[in-house]
Amino acid sequence: MKKTTILLFICFVISSHAQNDKTSVPIFEKIALEMKEFKLDTTLVPNDKLSKRIEKLRSLKGGFNINEAIEFKIAEERSKENAPTEELDKIEAFFKTGNGKKWLNNAIIWIYRKQFTLKEINQLIRFYKSSAGQKMAEKFPILMLQSLKAGEEIKENFVQQLKK
């Protein structure tokens, strides 16, 4: 789960930075402050237009969403030697059909509600309905993973040079 959280955090950083924010506070300071102030809210979300539009946006974005990231991480854990199969079965059920799925979806909608207005969500929906938006949704996970891999390989090359 730690790797998934880090991956999602990096995705958030890159996509936030890509929006070319011109404020004077560096992006990492903003992120650190937001993460420090973050409080998990899994309560029932309002059944209003904003919540429905956020759900629509999440379905349009497709790609490697948080639910799929959790499934991926569980599958990764299962592939390890001596994986706690029974525990992983319970975690998987919790996030697929149990309260975990409901709580996670509620939490994500609250997160979006705090970050975006209805107008902004509608603009994002229009973007993700466009051909460029659909391509971005399809390619974004690959872009993120390849970017991370590039960073890892560059770091490894540098470490090897330091050892010489």
Protein backbone atom coordinates (compact mmCIF):
# COMPACT_ATOMS: atom_id res chain seq x y z
CA MET A 1 0.00 0.00 0.00
CA LYS A 2 2.92 2.32 0.72
CA LYS A 3 4.14 2.14 -2.90
CA THR A 4 0.63 2.83 -4.17
CA THR A 5 0.30 5.85 -1.90
CA ILE A 6 3.67 7.16 -3.04
CA LEU A 7 2.77 6.56 -6.70
CA LEU A 8 -0.52 8.39 -6.30
CA PHE A 9 1.22 11.20 -4.44
CA ILE A 10 3.75 11.57 -7.27
CA CYS A 11 0.96 11.50 -9.85
CA PHE A 12 -0.79 14.25 -7.91
CA VAL A 13 2.42 16.29 -7.72
CA ILE A 14 3.14 16.01 -11.42
CA SER A 15 -0.41 16.70 -12.53
CA SER A 16 -0.70 19.61 -10.10
CA HIS A 17 2.62 21.04 -11.22
CA ALA A 18 1.64 20.63 -14.86
CA GLN A 19 -1.19 23.09 -14.32
CA ASN A 20 1.51 25.78 -14.20
CA ASP A 21 0.54 27.44 -10.92
CA LYS A 22 2.09 30.92 -10.85
CA THR A 23 1.79 31.47 -7.09
CA SER A 24 4.92 32.15 -5.07
CA VAL A 25 4.64 29.09 -2.80
CA PRO A 26 6.66 26.17 -4.19
CA ILE A 27 4.56 23.15 -5.16
CA PHE A 28 6.13 20.83 -2.60
CA GLU A 29 5.38 23.27 0.22
CA LYS A 30 1.75 23.44 -0.91
CA ILE A 31 1.51 19.67 -1.05
CA ALA A 32 3.15 19.24 2.36
CA LEU A 33 0.74 21.76 3.88
CA GLU A 34 -2.32 20.15 2.27
CA MET A 35 -1.21 16.68 3.41
CA LYS A 36 -0.57 17.95 6.93
CA GLU A 37 -4.06 19.45 7.08
CA PHE A 38 -5.77 16.46 5.41
CA LYS A 39 -8.45 14.79 7.49
CA LEU A 40 -10.08 11.60 6.23
CA ASP A 41 -13.83 11.96 5.72
CA THR A 42 -15.71 8.79 4.81
CA THR A 43 -19.15 10.08 5.75
CA LEU A 44 -22.03 9.80 3.33
CA VAL A 45 -21.71 12.41 0.59
CA PRO A 46 -24.63 14.62 -0.43
CA ASN A 47 -26.74 13.20 -3.23
CA ASP A 48 -26.44 16.40 -5.23
CA LYS A 49 -25.31 17.53 -8.67
CA LEU A 50 -21.69 18.07 -7.61
CA SER A 51 -21.33 14.53 -6.21
CA LYS A 52 -22.95 13.05 -9.31
CA ARG A 53 -20.65 15.05 -11.60
CA ILE A 54 -17.59 13.97 -9.61
CA GLU A 55 -18.69 10.34 -10.07
CA LYS A 56 -19.09 11.04 -13.80
CA LEU A 57 -15.60 12.58 -13.97
CA ARG A 58 -14.07 9.61 -12.17
CA SER A 59 -15.73 7.20 -14.59
CA LEU A 60 -14.54 9.20 -17.61
CA LYS A 61 -10.97 9.45 -16.42
CA GLY A 62 -10.69 5.69 -16.54
CA GLY A 63 -7.10 4.60 -16.54
CA PHE A 64 -5.54 3.32 -13.36
CA ASN A 65 -7.90 4.67 -10.69
CA ILE A 66 -7.45 4.31 -6.95
CA ASN A 67 -9.63 1.19 -6.77
CA GLU A 68 -7.54 -0.48 -9.46
CA ALA A 69 -4.34 0.69 -7.74
CA ILE A 70 -5.45 -1.08 -4.57
CA GLU A 71 -6.28 -4.24 -6.54
CA PHE A 72 -2.86 -4.03 -8.22
CA LYS A 73 -1.10 -3.67 -4.88
CA ILE A 74 -2.98 -6.65 -3.43
CA ALA A 75 -2.06 -8.76 -6.47
CA GLU A 76 1.55 -7.65 -6.08
CA GLU A 77 1.50 -8.69 -2.42
CA ARG A 78 -0.04 -12.07 -3.36
CA SER A 79 2.87 -12.78 -5.70
CA LYS A 80 5.40 -12.52 -2.88
CA GLU A 81 6.71 -15.59 -1.14
CA ASN A 82 4.90 -16.28 2.15
CA ALA A 83 2.13 -13.81 1.30
CA PRO A 84 -0.59 -13.73 3.99
CA THR A 85 -3.30 -15.15 1.70
CA GLU A 86 -6.13 -15.12 4.23
CA GLU A 87 -5.44 -11.53 5.25
CA LEU A 88 -5.16 -10.41 1.61
CA ASP A 89 -8.47 -12.15 0.81
CA LYS A 90 -10.15 -10.15 3.58
CA ILE A 91 -8.56 -6.88 2.46
CA GLU A 92 -9.57 -7.53 -1.14
CA ALA A 93 -13.18 -8.29 -0.16
CA PHE A 94 -13.24 -5.20 2.07
CA PHE A 95 -12.22 -2.93 -0.82
CA LYS A 96 -14.27 -4.68 -3.52
CA THR A 97 -17.60 -5.23 -1.81
CA GLY A 98 -17.33 -4.23 1.83
CA ASN A 99 -17.37 -0.92 3.62
CA GLY A 100 -13.89 -0.20 2.28
CA LYS A 101 -15.22 0.43 -1.22
CA LYS A 102 -18.01 2.69 0.04
CA TRP A 103 -15.75 4.57 2.45
CA LEU A 104 -13.04 5.04 -0.17
CA ASN A 105 -15.52 6.33 -2.74
CA ASN A 106 -17.02 8.72 -0.17
CA ALA A 107 -13.55 9.93 0.85
CA ILE A 108 -12.55 10.56 -2.77
CA ILE A 109 -15.74 12.50 -3.51
CA TRP A 110 -15.12 14.66 -0.41
CA ILE A 111 -11.56 15.26 -1.59
CA TYR A 112 -12.77 16.39 -5.02
CA ARG A 113 -15.51 18.54 -3.44
CA LYS A 114 -12.89 20.39 -1.39
CA GLN A 115 -10.61 20.97 -4.39
CA PHE A 116 -13.01 21.76 -7.25
CA THR A 117 -16.16 23.73 -7.91
CA LEU A 118 -19.03 22.36 -9.97
CA LYS A 119 -17.93 24.61 -12.84
CA GLU A 120 -14.38 23.18 -12.71
CA ILE A 121 -15.66 19.59 -12.54
CA ASN A 122 -17.81 20.29 -15.62
CA GLN A 123 -14.75 21.69 -17.42
CA LEU A 124 -12.77 18.56 -16.53
CA ILE A 125 -15.62 16.37 -17.78
CA ARG A 126 -15.60 18.24 -21.09
CA PHE A 127 -11.85 17.72 -21.33
CA TYR A 128 -12.01 13.99 -20.57
CA LYS A 129 -14.79 13.59 -23.16
CA SER A 130 -12.49 15.10 -25.83
CA SER A 131 -10.12 12.93 -27.84
CA ALA A 132 -7.13 14.52 -26.07
CA GLY A 133 -8.74 13.87 -22.69
CA GLN A 134 -9.50 10.26 -23.55
CA LYS A 135 -5.91 9.77 -24.68
CA MET A 136 -4.65 11.42 -21.49
CA ALA A 137 -6.82 9.11 -19.38
CA GLU A 138 -5.52 6.10 -21.27
CA LYS A 139 -1.85 7.11 -21.28
CA PHE A 140 -1.49 8.88 -17.91
CA PRO A 141 -0.74 5.73 -15.86
CA ILE A 142 1.85 4.66 -18.43
CA LEU A 143 3.39 8.14 -18.44
CA MET A 144 3.62 8.12 -14.65
CA LEU A 145 5.09 4.63 -14.39
CA GLN A 146 7.58 5.23 -17.21
CA SER A 147 8.57 8.56 -15.63
CA LEU A 148 9.11 6.85 -12.28
CA LYS A 149 11.12 4.08 -13.95
CA ALA A 150 13.23 6.66 -15.76
CA GLY A 151 13.94 8.38 -12.44
CA GLU A 152 14.83 5.06 -10.80
CA GLU A 153 17.17 4.07 -13.64
CA ILE A 154 18.88 7.47 -13.68
CA LYS A 155 19.35 7.23 -9.90
CA GLU A 156 20.77 3.71 -10.23
CA ASN A 157 23.19 4.86 -12.94
CA PHE A 158 24.30 7.71 -10.71
CA VAL A 159 24.77 5.37 -7.72
CA GLN A 160 26.89 3.07 -9.91
CA GLN A 161 29.03 6.05 -10.97
CA LEU A 162 29.53 7.01 -7.33
CA LYS A 163 30.83 3.50 -6.58
CA LYS A 164 33.54 3.75 -9.27
